[in-house]
């Protein structure tokens, strides 16, 4: 794991003069409004997935130490981030992974009982949604916004629309039924797309840490290439696992 440079980056940003902070605040505020994220950030600051800090179970700590399962290195990097008490965002920055990839490792580790189940319904629902485990309707059900009956009602309405030759997106059906708002759907769609992006901090933009990072660009490129290769292997393993589950389901 790389040294956590996110705090160094934020420290530099937060140390700018007030008149620069005001401009940053205004620009970010306008962008959050456009993305329909402002109300959620203001009213549910503890339920933001990127700031959530996952906790290792005893099984997770043991696997991180002994590595008996022979898992992908990215999974061990994720577990190490949990051991360091990093947030999901910090794990993403320190492993060069997108938030979508981090969410998938989170779900995998949760299924293996390597990390504890979060108390927040929003964290659980958002992790599953970003990772692709939950679709729109299931996300809102897991979050507690709609009931099982309301989800079933939306599914039937969606089916009727398709049979009538006027298919609609599931989010539009939920809006028409009055179960969620347009802003709810807009914020969810934007977050899903943004989660696919990688955010790699340039070490030259932050103050020098106690540990000096290598300036060897070739090693840096090789490390990223190795991470991509490991991601590809994990995706193949997950596809094989899904195929096995499907086969068992048809038996």
Foldseek 3Di string as FASTA:
>chain_A
DDDQCPVLLVVVVVPDDPVVVVVVVVVVVVVCVVLLNVVCCVPPVVLDQQQAQWAFDPVLVVCLVPVPVVAQVLLNLLSVCSVVRHGLNSSQQVLQAFSLLSLLSVVVCVVVRGTDDDPQLSNVLLSCPLPVNDDDLVSCCSNVLDDPVVSVVLVVVQVVCVVVVRHDDSVVSCVVVVSDHPSVVSNSVVVSVRSRDTDYDDPVSGDADPDHDDPPVVVVVVSVVVSVVSSVVVVVVVVVVVVVVVVVVVD
